[in-house]
Amino acid sequence: MFDTYLRNTKDRIVEPIARRMTRISPNTISIIGVFFGIGSAIFATQRLYLWGLAFWLINRALDGLDGLLARLHNKQDDFGGYLDILLDFTAYAAIPLGFGLGAASQNIYLALAFLLSTYYLNTASWMYLAAILEKRATRNPETATTIVMPAGLIGGFETIIFYSLFFILPQYLLHLFIVFSALIFITVTQRLIWARRKLS
């Protein structure tokens, strides 16, 4: 919901450092980042929540850096954008699974299944809609992403907040899974209504 504004703010803060990083590939940053994401998931399985939170935040910091590097040093390409989103989703899937394995609770398993199901719906809702918008050449240059990403209630920033809460408040994991799932479902519905109005 706040991704474009926060991305622009982050870019202004990090840009002086990123300009000096001329020898490292954005794809390398993306790959390093996913290892931190997987590490975060492993810490979740072991209930080492402080370490898991630290690795998760490093993963997100690196994810914010790779695209900026690509734009600043003219290294943007479609493969880089594809790799970035694929590795992002690897971390997004691994971390809740890590919590599920660590909790070993039937209720958590059910909530996890519901959460991952909403991920499938959400991915379909924005990726296919993005493809249609690309086909129609509907692009906002301020997004600074490889493809059009239709906005919704839950975006990258909100995901960072909820995943951080998973680590900070693990005793409320069941409730957090349910609330996050519900908000994602609302986001899917929101996009569906928007698409019905704009694409018909």
N, C-alpha and C. Protein backbone atom coordinates (compact mmCIF):
# COMPACT_ATOMS: atom_id res chain seq x y z
N MET A 1 0.82 -1.20 0.00
CA MET A 1 0.00 0.00 0.00
C MET A 1 0.86 1.27 0.00
N PHE A 2 1.99 1.21 0.72
CA PHE A 2 2.88 2.37 0.80
C PHE A 2 4.18 2.16 0.03
N ASP A 3 4.23 1.13 -0.80
CA ASP A 3 5.51 0.71 -1.38
C ASP A 3 6.19 1.78 -2.22
N THR A 4 5.44 2.45 -3.09
CA THR A 4 6.07 3.43 -3.98
C THR A 4 6.68 4.58 -3.20
N TYR A 5 5.93 5.12 -2.24
CA TYR A 5 6.43 6.23 -1.44
C TYR A 5 7.66 5.81 -0.64
N LEU A 6 7.57 4.66 0.02
CA LEU A 6 8.69 4.21 0.85
C LEU A 6 9.90 3.84 0.01
N ARG A 7 9.67 3.28 -1.19
CA ARG A 7 10.79 2.95 -2.07
C ARG A 7 11.55 4.22 -2.46
N ASN A 8 10.82 5.26 -2.78
CA ASN A 8 11.48 6.52 -3.16
C ASN A 8 12.26 7.11 -1.99
N THR A 9 11.68 7.02 -0.78
CA THR A 9 12.37 7.52 0.41
C THR A 9 13.63 6.72 0.68
N LYS A 10 13.50 5.39 0.61
CA LYS A 10 14.65 4.51 0.83
C LYS A 10 15.75 4.77 -0.19
N ASP A 11 15.37 4.95 -1.44
CA ASP A 11 16.36 5.18 -2.49
C ASP A 11 17.16 6.45 -2.23
N ARG A 12 16.49 7.49 -1.76
CA ARG A 12 17.20 8.74 -1.48
C ARG A 12 18.21 8.57 -0.35
N ILE A 13 17.87 7.73 0.62
CA ILE A 13 18.77 7.52 1.76
C ILE A 13 19.96 6.66 1.38
N VAL A 14 19.71 5.60 0.62
CA VAL A 14 20.73 4.60 0.32
C VAL A 14 21.56 4.96 -0.91
N GLU A 15 21.07 5.84 -1.74
CA GLU A 15 21.73 6.13 -3.02
C GLU A 15 23.20 6.50 -2.89
N PRO A 16 23.62 7.34 -1.92
CA PRO A 16 25.05 7.67 -1.84
C PRO A 16 25.95 6.46 -1.66
N ILE A 17 25.47 5.46 -0.91
CA ILE A 17 26.25 4.23 -0.72
C ILE A 17 26.21 3.39 -1.98
N ALA A 18 25.02 3.25 -2.56
CA ALA A 18 24.86 2.40 -3.75
C ALA A 18 25.68 2.91 -4.93
N ARG A 19 25.85 4.20 -5.04
CA ARG A 19 26.63 4.75 -6.15
C ARG A 19 28.08 4.29 -6.11
N ARG A 20 28.59 3.99 -4.92
CA ARG A 20 29.98 3.55 -4.79
C ARG A 20 30.15 2.05 -5.05
N MET A 21 29.04 1.32 -5.11
CA MET A 21 29.10 -0.13 -5.28
C MET A 21 29.07 -0.48 -6.77
N THR A 22 30.16 -0.18 -7.44
CA THR A 22 30.20 -0.34 -8.90
C THR A 22 30.63 -1.73 -9.34
N ARG A 23 31.23 -2.50 -8.45
CA ARG A 23 31.81 -3.78 -8.87
C ARG A 23 30.94 -4.99 -8.55
N ILE A 24 29.83 -4.77 -7.91
CA ILE A 24 28.99 -5.91 -7.53
C ILE A 24 27.72 -5.92 -8.37
N SER A 25 27.34 -7.10 -8.80
CA SER A 25 26.16 -7.26 -9.65
C SER A 25 24.88 -7.23 -8.81
N PRO A 26 23.82 -6.59 -9.30
CA PRO A 26 22.54 -6.64 -8.59
C PRO A 26 22.05 -8.07 -8.38
N ASN A 27 22.30 -8.96 -9.36
CA ASN A 27 21.88 -10.35 -9.21
C ASN A 27 22.62 -11.04 -8.06
N THR A 28 23.87 -10.67 -7.86
CA THR A 28 24.64 -11.22 -6.74
C THR A 28 24.00 -10.80 -5.42
N ILE A 29 23.58 -9.55 -5.33
CA ILE A 29 22.90 -9.07 -4.13
C ILE A 29 21.62 -9.87 -3.90
N SER A 30 20.87 -10.12 -4.97
CA SER A 30 19.62 -10.89 -4.85
C SER A 30 19.89 -12.29 -4.32
N ILE A 31 20.93 -12.94 -4.83
CA ILE A 31 21.26 -14.31 -4.42
C ILE A 31 21.73 -14.34 -2.97
N ILE A 32 22.57 -13.39 -2.59
CA ILE A 32 22.99 -13.31 -1.18
C ILE A 32 21.77 -13.11 -0.29
N GLY A 33 20.85 -12.26 -0.75
CA GLY A 33 19.66 -11.98 0.04
C GLY A 33 18.82 -13.21 0.31
N VAL A 34 18.66 -14.09 -0.69
CA VAL A 34 17.80 -15.26 -0.47
C VAL A 34 18.42 -16.22 0.54
N PHE A 35 19.75 -16.25 0.63
CA PHE A 35 20.37 -17.09 1.65
C PHE A 35 20.03 -16.58 3.05
N PHE A 36 19.96 -15.27 3.21
CA PHE A 36 19.52 -14.73 4.49
C PHE A 36 18.06 -15.06 4.75
N GLY A 37 17.24 -15.05 3.69
CA GLY A 37 15.84 -15.42 3.85
C GLY A 37 15.67 -16.86 4.27
N ILE A 38 16.42 -17.76 3.64
CA ILE A 38 16.35 -19.18 4.01
C ILE A 38 16.92 -19.38 5.42
N GLY A 39 17.98 -18.64 5.73
CA GLY A 39 18.53 -18.70 7.09
C GLY A 39 17.51 -18.27 8.12
N SER A 40 16.74 -17.24 7.80
CA SER A 40 15.69 -16.78 8.69
C SER A 40 14.66 -17.88 8.93
N ALA A 41 14.30 -18.60 7.87
CA ALA A 41 13.34 -19.71 7.99
C ALA A 41 13.91 -20.82 8.87
N ILE A 42 15.19 -21.11 8.72
CA ILE A 42 15.82 -22.15 9.54
C ILE A 42 15.81 -21.75 11.01
N PHE A 43 16.10 -20.48 11.29
CA PHE A 43 16.05 -20.01 12.67
C PHE A 43 14.64 -20.11 13.23
N ALA A 44 13.63 -19.89 12.38
CA ALA A 44 12.24 -20.02 12.83
C ALA A 44 11.93 -21.45 13.24
N THR A 45 12.47 -22.43 12.50
CA THR A 45 12.22 -23.83 12.87
C THR A 45 12.83 -24.15 14.23
N GLN A 46 13.92 -23.47 14.58
CA GLN A 46 14.61 -23.71 15.85
C GLN A 46 14.14 -22.77 16.96
N ARG A 47 13.18 -21.92 16.64
CA ARG A 47 12.64 -20.93 17.58
C ARG A 47 13.70 -19.94 18.05
N LEU A 48 14.66 -19.67 17.21
CA LEU A 48 15.68 -18.66 17.49
C LEU A 48 15.19 -17.36 16.84
N TYR A 49 14.22 -16.74 17.49
CA TYR A 49 13.47 -15.69 16.85
C TYR A 49 14.26 -14.40 16.64
N LEU A 50 15.16 -14.07 17.55
CA LEU A 50 15.95 -12.85 17.38
C LEU A 50 16.85 -12.96 16.16
N TRP A 51 17.52 -14.12 16.02
CA TRP A 51 18.35 -14.35 14.84
C TRP A 51 17.50 -14.37 13.57
N GLY A 52 16.35 -15.00 13.67
CA GLY A 52 15.46 -15.06 12.51
C GLY A 52 15.02 -13.68 12.07
N LEU A 53 14.69 -12.83 13.03
CA LEU A 53 14.28 -11.46 12.71
C LEU A 53 15.43 -10.70 12.05
N ALA A 54 16.63 -10.84 12.61
CA ALA A 54 17.79 -10.15 12.05
C ALA A 54 18.04 -10.57 10.60
N PHE A 55 17.98 -11.88 10.34
CA PHE A 55 18.22 -12.37 8.97
C PHE A 55 17.10 -11.92 8.03
N TRP A 56 15.88 -11.88 8.53
CA TRP A 56 14.76 -11.42 7.71
C TRP A 56 14.95 -9.95 7.30
N LEU A 57 15.34 -9.11 8.25
CA LEU A 57 15.53 -7.70 7.95
C LEU A 57 16.71 -7.47 7.01
N ILE A 58 17.76 -8.28 7.16
CA ILE A 58 18.88 -8.20 6.21
C ILE A 58 18.42 -8.60 4.82
N ASN A 59 17.61 -9.65 4.74
CA ASN A 59 17.05 -10.08 3.46
C ASN A 59 16.28 -8.94 2.79
N ARG A 60 15.47 -8.24 3.56
CA ARG A 60 14.69 -7.14 3.00
C ARG A 60 15.57 -5.96 2.61
N ALA A 61 16.60 -5.70 3.39
CA ALA A 61 17.52 -4.60 3.06
C ALA A 61 18.23 -4.88 1.74
N LEU A 62 18.68 -6.12 1.57
CA LEU A 62 19.36 -6.49 0.32
C LEU A 62 18.39 -6.45 -0.86
N ASP A 63 17.14 -6.84 -0.61
CA ASP A 63 16.15 -6.78 -1.68
C ASP A 63 15.90 -5.34 -2.13
N GLY A 64 15.99 -4.42 -1.19
CA GLY A 64 15.83 -3.02 -1.56
C GLY A 64 17.04 -2.44 -2.26
N LEU A 65 18.19 -3.10 -2.08
CA LEU A 65 19.43 -2.59 -2.66
C LEU A 65 19.64 -3.05 -4.10
N ASP A 66 19.23 -4.27 -4.42
CA ASP A 66 19.56 -4.81 -5.75
C ASP A 66 18.94 -3.99 -6.89
N GLY A 67 17.68 -3.64 -6.74
CA GLY A 67 17.03 -2.85 -7.78
C GLY A 67 17.62 -1.46 -7.92
N LEU A 68 17.97 -0.85 -6.79
CA LEU A 68 18.58 0.47 -6.83
C LEU A 68 19.93 0.43 -7.53
N LEU A 69 20.73 -0.60 -7.22
CA LEU A 69 22.01 -0.77 -7.91
C LEU A 69 21.82 -0.89 -9.42
N ALA A 70 20.84 -1.69 -9.80
CA ALA A 70 20.58 -1.89 -11.24
C ALA A 70 20.22 -0.58 -11.92
N ARG A 71 19.38 0.22 -11.26
CA ARG A 71 18.96 1.48 -11.88
C ARG A 71 20.10 2.50 -11.93
N LEU A 72 20.88 2.58 -10.85
CA LEU A 72 21.95 3.58 -10.79
C LEU A 72 23.08 3.30 -11.77
N HIS A 73 23.38 2.01 -11.97
CA HIS A 73 24.54 1.63 -12.78
C HIS A 73 24.14 1.05 -14.14
N ASN A 74 22.90 1.32 -14.55
CA ASN A 74 22.41 0.89 -15.87
C ASN A 74 22.58 -0.61 -16.08
N LYS A 75 22.22 -1.40 -15.05
CA LYS A 75 22.33 -2.85 -15.15
C LYS A 75 20.95 -3.51 -15.10
N GLN A 76 19.91 -2.75 -15.38
CA GLN A 76 18.57 -3.33 -15.37
C GLN A 76 18.37 -4.25 -16.57
N ASP A 77 17.82 -5.41 -16.33
CA ASP A 77 17.41 -6.29 -17.42
C ASP A 77 16.26 -7.16 -16.94
N ASP A 78 15.56 -7.76 -17.88
CA ASP A 78 14.37 -8.54 -17.53
C ASP A 78 14.72 -9.75 -16.68
N PHE A 79 15.87 -10.38 -16.97
CA PHE A 79 16.24 -11.55 -16.18
C PHE A 79 16.46 -11.16 -14.72
N GLY A 80 17.10 -10.02 -14.49
CA GLY A 80 17.33 -9.58 -13.12
C GLY A 80 16.03 -9.37 -12.37
N GLY A 81 15.04 -8.76 -13.04
CA GLY A 81 13.74 -8.58 -12.41
C GLY A 81 13.06 -9.90 -12.12
N TYR A 82 13.18 -10.83 -13.07
CA TYR A 82 12.58 -12.16 -12.89
C TYR A 82 13.25 -12.90 -11.73
N LEU A 83 14.58 -12.88 -11.69
CA LEU A 83 15.31 -13.54 -10.62
C LEU A 83 14.95 -12.95 -9.27
N ASP A 84 14.84 -11.64 -9.22
CA ASP A 84 14.54 -10.95 -7.96
C ASP A 84 13.20 -11.40 -7.40
N ILE A 85 12.16 -11.42 -8.23
CA ILE A 85 10.84 -11.80 -7.73
C ILE A 85 10.79 -13.27 -7.36
N LEU A 86 11.50 -14.12 -8.10
CA LEU A 86 11.53 -15.54 -7.79
C LEU A 86 12.19 -15.78 -6.43
N LEU A 87 13.29 -15.10 -6.17
CA LEU A 87 13.99 -15.26 -4.90
C LEU A 87 13.20 -14.64 -3.75
N ASP A 88 12.51 -13.53 -4.02
CA ASP A 88 11.64 -12.94 -3.00
C ASP A 88 10.59 -13.95 -2.55
N PHE A 89 9.95 -14.60 -3.52
CA PHE A 89 8.88 -15.53 -3.18
C PHE A 89 9.43 -16.78 -2.50
N THR A 90 10.68 -17.12 -2.78
CA THR A 90 11.31 -18.23 -2.06
C THR A 90 11.37 -17.92 -0.57
N ALA A 91 11.80 -16.71 -0.23
CA ALA A 91 11.87 -16.31 1.17
C ALA A 91 10.47 -16.19 1.77
N TYR A 92 9.54 -15.60 1.01
CA TYR A 92 8.17 -15.44 1.51
C TYR A 92 7.53 -16.78 1.87
N ALA A 93 7.82 -17.81 1.09
CA ALA A 93 7.25 -19.13 1.36
C ALA A 93 7.99 -19.87 2.46
N ALA A 94 9.32 -19.74 2.48
CA ALA A 94 10.13 -20.52 3.41
C ALA A 94 9.90 -20.12 4.86
N ILE A 95 9.76 -18.83 5.12
CA ILE A 95 9.69 -18.37 6.51
C ILE A 95 8.42 -18.85 7.22
N PRO A 96 7.21 -18.70 6.65
CA PRO A 96 6.05 -19.28 7.33
C PRO A 96 6.16 -20.79 7.51
N LEU A 97 6.74 -21.48 6.51
CA LEU A 97 6.95 -22.93 6.67
C LEU A 97 7.87 -23.21 7.84
N GLY A 98 8.89 -22.38 8.01
CA GLY A 98 9.79 -22.54 9.15
C GLY A 98 9.06 -22.40 10.46
N PHE A 99 8.17 -21.41 10.55
CA PHE A 99 7.39 -21.24 11.77
C PHE A 99 6.48 -22.44 12.01
N GLY A 100 5.87 -22.95 10.94
CA GLY A 100 5.01 -24.11 11.09
C GLY A 100 5.75 -25.32 11.61
N LEU A 101 6.94 -25.57 11.05
CA LEU A 101 7.74 -26.70 11.52
C LEU A 101 8.19 -26.50 12.96
N GLY A 102 8.51 -25.27 13.31
CA GLY A 102 8.96 -25.00 14.67
C GLY A 102 7.85 -25.10 15.69
N ALA A 103 6.64 -24.73 15.30
CA ALA A 103 5.52 -24.73 16.25
C ALA A 103 4.99 -26.14 16.50
N ALA A 104 4.99 -26.98 15.47
CA ALA A 104 4.50 -28.36 15.59
C ALA A 104 3.12 -28.41 16.25
N SER A 105 2.21 -27.59 15.75
CA SER A 105 0.85 -27.51 16.28
C SER A 105 -0.13 -27.67 15.14
N GLN A 106 -1.17 -28.49 15.36
CA GLN A 106 -2.14 -28.71 14.30
C GLN A 106 -2.85 -27.41 13.91
N ASN A 107 -3.17 -26.58 14.90
CA ASN A 107 -3.83 -25.31 14.60
C ASN A 107 -2.94 -24.40 13.76
N ILE A 108 -1.64 -24.39 14.08
CA ILE A 108 -0.70 -23.60 13.30
C ILE A 108 -0.61 -24.15 11.87
N TYR A 109 -0.60 -25.48 11.74
CA TYR A 109 -0.55 -26.09 10.41
C TYR A 109 -1.75 -25.66 9.56
N LEU A 110 -2.94 -25.66 10.18
CA LEU A 110 -4.14 -25.27 9.45
C LEU A 110 -4.09 -23.79 9.05
N ALA A 111 -3.64 -22.95 9.98
CA ALA A 111 -3.51 -21.52 9.67
C ALA A 111 -2.46 -21.29 8.59
N LEU A 112 -1.38 -22.07 8.65
CA LEU A 112 -0.33 -21.97 7.64
C LEU A 112 -0.86 -22.37 6.27
N ALA A 113 -1.65 -23.45 6.22
CA ALA A 113 -2.24 -23.88 4.95
C ALA A 113 -3.14 -22.79 4.37
N PHE A 114 -3.92 -22.15 5.24
CA PHE A 114 -4.79 -21.06 4.80
C PHE A 114 -3.96 -19.88 4.29
N LEU A 115 -2.88 -19.56 5.01
CA LEU A 115 -2.01 -18.45 4.61
C LEU A 115 -1.39 -18.71 3.24
N LEU A 116 -0.82 -19.90 3.06
CA LEU A 116 -0.17 -20.21 1.78
C LEU A 116 -1.19 -20.26 0.64
N SER A 117 -2.42 -20.66 0.95
CA SER A 117 -3.47 -20.64 -0.08
C SER A 117 -3.77 -19.22 -0.54
N THR A 118 -3.79 -18.29 0.41
CA THR A 118 -4.02 -16.89 0.02
C THR A 118 -2.85 -16.35 -0.78
N TYR A 119 -1.64 -16.88 -0.52
CA TYR A 119 -0.48 -16.48 -1.33
C TYR A 119 -0.69 -16.86 -2.80
N TYR A 120 -1.21 -18.07 -3.02
CA TYR A 120 -1.48 -18.50 -4.40
C TYR A 120 -2.47 -17.56 -5.07
N LEU A 121 -3.55 -17.25 -4.36
CA LEU A 121 -4.56 -16.35 -4.92
C LEU A 121 -3.97 -14.97 -5.19
N ASN A 122 -3.20 -14.48 -4.24
CA ASN A 122 -2.63 -13.14 -4.38
C ASN A 122 -1.65 -13.08 -5.56
N THR A 123 -0.83 -14.12 -5.69
CA THR A 123 0.12 -14.15 -6.80
C THR A 123 -0.60 -14.14 -8.14
N ALA A 124 -1.64 -14.95 -8.25
CA ALA A 124 -2.42 -14.96 -9.49
C ALA A 124 -3.09 -13.62 -9.73
N SER A 125 -3.58 -13.00 -8.65
CA SER A 125 -4.34 -11.75 -8.81
C SER A 125 -3.47 -10.62 -9.32
N TRP A 126 -2.22 -10.55 -8.85
CA TRP A 126 -1.41 -9.41 -9.31
C TRP A 126 -0.54 -9.74 -10.51
N MET A 127 -0.08 -11.00 -10.63
CA MET A 127 0.79 -11.30 -11.76
C MET A 127 0.02 -11.32 -13.08
N TYR A 128 -1.15 -11.93 -13.08
CA TYR A 128 -1.91 -11.95 -14.34
C TYR A 128 -2.45 -10.57 -14.66
N LEU A 129 -2.86 -9.84 -13.62
CA LEU A 129 -3.32 -8.48 -13.86
C LEU A 129 -2.17 -7.61 -14.36
N ALA A 130 -0.97 -7.83 -13.82
CA ALA A 130 0.21 -7.10 -14.29
C ALA A 130 0.46 -7.38 -15.76
N ALA A 131 0.30 -8.65 -16.17
CA ALA A 131 0.51 -9.00 -17.57
C ALA A 131 -0.50 -8.29 -18.47
N ILE A 132 -1.75 -8.21 -18.02
CA ILE A 132 -2.77 -7.51 -18.81
C ILE A 132 -2.44 -6.02 -18.91
N LEU A 133 -2.01 -5.43 -17.80
CA LEU A 133 -1.68 -4.00 -17.81
C LEU A 133 -0.47 -3.73 -18.70
N GLU A 134 0.51 -4.65 -18.68
CA GLU A 134 1.65 -4.52 -19.59
C GLU A 134 1.18 -4.59 -21.04
N LYS A 135 0.28 -5.51 -21.32
CA LYS A 135 -0.27 -5.64 -22.67
C LYS A 135 -0.93 -4.35 -23.12
N ARG A 136 -1.59 -3.69 -22.18
CA ARG A 136 -2.27 -2.43 -22.50
C ARG A 136 -1.35 -1.22 -22.36
N ALA A 137 -0.08 -1.48 -22.08
CA ALA A 137 0.92 -0.40 -21.93
C ALA A 137 0.51 0.58 -20.85
N THR A 138 -0.03 0.03 -19.76
CA THR A 138 -0.43 0.86 -18.62
C THR A 138 0.69 0.82 -17.59
N ARG A 139 1.55 1.81 -17.61
CA ARG A 139 2.72 1.79 -16.73
C ARG A 139 2.89 3.14 -16.04
N ASN A 140 3.16 3.07 -14.73
CA ASN A 140 3.50 4.27 -13.97
C ASN A 140 5.01 4.27 -13.76
N PRO A 141 5.75 5.21 -14.35
CA PRO A 141 7.21 5.19 -14.25
C PRO A 141 7.73 5.33 -12.83
N GLU A 142 6.89 5.79 -11.89
CA GLU A 142 7.34 5.98 -10.51
C GLU A 142 7.50 4.66 -9.77
N THR A 143 6.93 3.57 -10.29
CA THR A 143 7.02 2.31 -9.57
C THR A 143 8.43 1.74 -9.56
N ALA A 144 9.22 2.00 -10.60
CA ALA A 144 10.63 1.57 -10.69
C ALA A 144 10.79 0.07 -10.56
N THR A 145 9.78 -0.70 -10.99
CA THR A 145 9.87 -2.15 -10.97
C THR A 145 9.87 -2.68 -12.40
N THR A 146 10.30 -3.94 -12.55
CA THR A 146 10.41 -4.52 -13.89
C THR A 146 9.07 -4.60 -14.60
N ILE A 147 8.02 -4.95 -13.86
CA ILE A 147 6.68 -5.02 -14.42
C ILE A 147 5.75 -4.15 -13.58
N VAL A 148 4.55 -3.90 -14.13
CA VAL A 148 3.54 -3.18 -13.37
C VAL A 148 3.11 -4.05 -12.19
N MET A 149 3.07 -3.46 -11.00
CA MET A 149 2.61 -4.18 -9.82
C MET A 149 1.37 -3.48 -9.28
N PRO A 150 0.18 -4.00 -9.58
CA PRO A 150 -1.05 -3.35 -9.12
C PRO A 150 -1.07 -3.24 -7.60
N ALA A 151 -1.36 -2.05 -7.11
CA ALA A 151 -1.35 -1.81 -5.66
C ALA A 151 -2.50 -2.53 -4.99
N GLY A 152 -2.33 -2.79 -3.70
CA GLY A 152 -3.37 -3.41 -2.90
C GLY A 152 -3.14 -3.10 -1.44
N LEU A 153 -4.05 -3.57 -0.61
CA LEU A 153 -3.95 -3.33 0.83
C LEU A 153 -2.65 -3.87 1.40
N ILE A 154 -2.28 -5.09 0.98
CA ILE A 154 -1.04 -5.71 1.44
C ILE A 154 0.00 -5.67 0.33
N GLY A 155 1.11 -5.01 0.61
CA GLY A 155 2.22 -4.94 -0.33
C GLY A 155 3.51 -5.33 0.37
N GLY A 156 4.62 -4.91 -0.19
CA GLY A 156 5.91 -5.29 0.36
C GLY A 156 6.13 -4.78 1.77
N PHE A 157 5.79 -3.51 2.04
CA PHE A 157 6.01 -2.93 3.36
C PHE A 157 5.19 -3.65 4.42
N GLU A 158 3.92 -3.90 4.12
CA GLU A 158 3.05 -4.58 5.08
C GLU A 158 3.53 -6.00 5.34
N THR A 159 4.08 -6.64 4.31
CA THR A 159 4.63 -7.99 4.49
C THR A 159 5.83 -7.95 5.43
N ILE A 160 6.69 -6.95 5.29
CA ILE A 160 7.82 -6.81 6.21
C ILE A 160 7.33 -6.68 7.64
N ILE A 161 6.30 -5.87 7.85
CA ILE A 161 5.77 -5.66 9.20
C ILE A 161 5.22 -6.97 9.77
N PHE A 162 4.40 -7.68 9.01
CA PHE A 162 3.79 -8.90 9.53
C PHE A 162 4.84 -9.98 9.79
N TYR A 163 5.78 -10.16 8.88
CA TYR A 163 6.81 -11.18 9.10
C TYR A 163 7.65 -10.83 10.32
N SER A 164 7.92 -9.55 10.51
CA SER A 164 8.66 -9.13 11.71
C SER A 164 7.85 -9.45 12.96
N LEU A 165 6.54 -9.23 12.91
CA LEU A 165 5.69 -9.56 14.05
C LEU A 165 5.68 -11.06 14.33
N PHE A 166 5.78 -11.89 13.29
CA PHE A 166 5.86 -13.33 13.52
C PHE A 166 7.02 -13.64 14.47
N PHE A 167 8.15 -12.97 14.27
CA PHE A 167 9.33 -13.21 15.10
C PHE A 167 9.23 -12.52 16.46
N ILE A 168 8.64 -11.34 16.49
CA ILE A 168 8.58 -10.57 17.73
C ILE A 168 7.52 -11.11 18.68
N LEU A 169 6.41 -11.59 18.12
CA LEU A 169 5.29 -12.07 18.93
C LEU A 169 4.92 -13.51 18.55
N PRO A 170 5.85 -14.45 18.69
CA PRO A 170 5.56 -15.82 18.25
C PRO A 170 4.42 -16.48 19.03
N GLN A 171 4.15 -15.98 20.24
CA GLN A 171 3.05 -16.54 21.02
C GLN A 171 1.69 -16.23 20.39
N TYR A 172 1.66 -15.25 19.49
CA TYR A 172 0.42 -14.90 18.79
C TYR A 172 0.47 -15.32 17.32
N LEU A 173 1.30 -16.29 17.01
CA LEU A 173 1.52 -16.68 15.62
C LEU A 173 0.22 -17.11 14.94
N LEU A 174 -0.59 -17.89 15.63
CA LEU A 174 -1.85 -18.36 15.05
C LEU A 174 -2.72 -17.17 14.64
N HIS A 175 -2.86 -16.21 15.53
CA HIS A 175 -3.69 -15.04 15.24
C HIS A 175 -3.09 -14.20 14.12
N LEU A 176 -1.77 -14.05 14.13
CA LEU A 176 -1.11 -13.27 13.08
C LEU A 176 -1.28 -13.92 11.71
N PHE A 177 -1.15 -15.24 11.66
CA PHE A 177 -1.37 -15.96 10.40
C PHE A 177 -2.79 -15.71 9.88
N ILE A 178 -3.76 -15.80 10.77
CA ILE A 178 -5.16 -15.64 10.36
C ILE A 178 -5.43 -14.21 9.89
N VAL A 179 -4.96 -13.23 10.65
CA VAL A 179 -5.18 -11.83 10.28
C VAL A 179 -4.50 -11.50 8.96
N PHE A 180 -3.25 -11.95 8.80
CA PHE A 180 -2.51 -11.68 7.56
C PHE A 180 -3.21 -12.33 6.38
N SER A 181 -3.68 -13.56 6.56
CA SER A 181 -4.41 -14.26 5.50
C SER A 181 -5.65 -13.49 5.09
N ALA A 182 -6.40 -13.00 6.10
CA ALA A 182 -7.62 -12.26 5.82
C ALA A 182 -7.33 -10.98 5.05
N LEU A 183 -6.26 -10.28 5.43
CA LEU A 183 -5.90 -9.04 4.75
C LEU A 183 -5.45 -9.31 3.31
N ILE A 184 -4.75 -10.41 3.11
CA ILE A 184 -4.35 -10.78 1.74
C ILE A 184 -5.59 -11.08 0.90
N PHE A 185 -6.54 -11.80 1.49
CA PHE A 185 -7.78 -12.11 0.76
C PHE A 185 -8.53 -10.83 0.40
N ILE A 186 -8.54 -9.86 1.31
CA ILE A 186 -9.16 -8.57 1.01
C ILE A 186 -8.44 -7.90 -0.15
N THR A 187 -7.11 -8.00 -0.17
CA THR A 187 -6.32 -7.43 -1.25
C THR A 187 -6.69 -8.05 -2.60
N VAL A 188 -6.83 -9.38 -2.61
CA VAL A 188 -7.23 -10.07 -3.84
C VAL A 188 -8.60 -9.58 -4.30
N THR A 189 -9.53 -9.47 -3.37
CA THR A 189 -10.87 -8.98 -3.70
C THR A 189 -10.83 -7.55 -4.22
N GLN A 190 -9.99 -6.74 -3.59
CA GLN A 190 -9.83 -5.35 -4.00
C GLN A 190 -9.36 -5.26 -5.46
N ARG A 191 -8.37 -6.07 -5.81
CA ARG A 191 -7.87 -6.06 -7.19
C ARG A 191 -8.94 -6.57 -8.18
N LEU A 192 -9.68 -7.58 -7.75
CA LEU A 192 -10.74 -8.12 -8.61
C LEU A 192 -11.78 -7.06 -8.93
N ILE A 193 -12.19 -6.32 -7.92
CA ILE A 193 -13.18 -5.25 -8.13
C ILE A 193 -12.61 -4.17 -9.05
N TRP A 194 -11.33 -3.80 -8.82
CA TRP A 194 -10.69 -2.79 -9.66
C TRP A 194 -10.62 -3.27 -11.11
N ALA A 195 -10.23 -4.53 -11.29
CA ALA A 195 -10.10 -5.08 -12.64
C ALA A 195 -11.46 -5.13 -13.35
N ARG A 196 -12.50 -5.48 -12.59
CA ARG A 196 -13.85 -5.53 -13.19
C ARG A 196 -14.26 -4.15 -13.71
N ARG A 197 -13.89 -3.12 -12.96
CA ARG A 197 -14.28 -1.76 -13.35
C ARG A 197 -13.44 -1.23 -14.51
N LYS A 198 -12.15 -1.56 -14.50
CA LYS A 198 -11.23 -0.93 -15.45
C LYS A 198 -11.02 -1.72 -16.74
N LEU A 199 -11.21 -3.04 -16.67
CA LEU A 199 -10.83 -3.87 -17.82
C LEU A 199 -12.02 -4.33 -18.65
N SER A 200 -13.20 -4.16 -18.15
CA SER A 200 -14.39 -4.63 -18.90
C SER A 200 -14.67 -3.71 -20.09
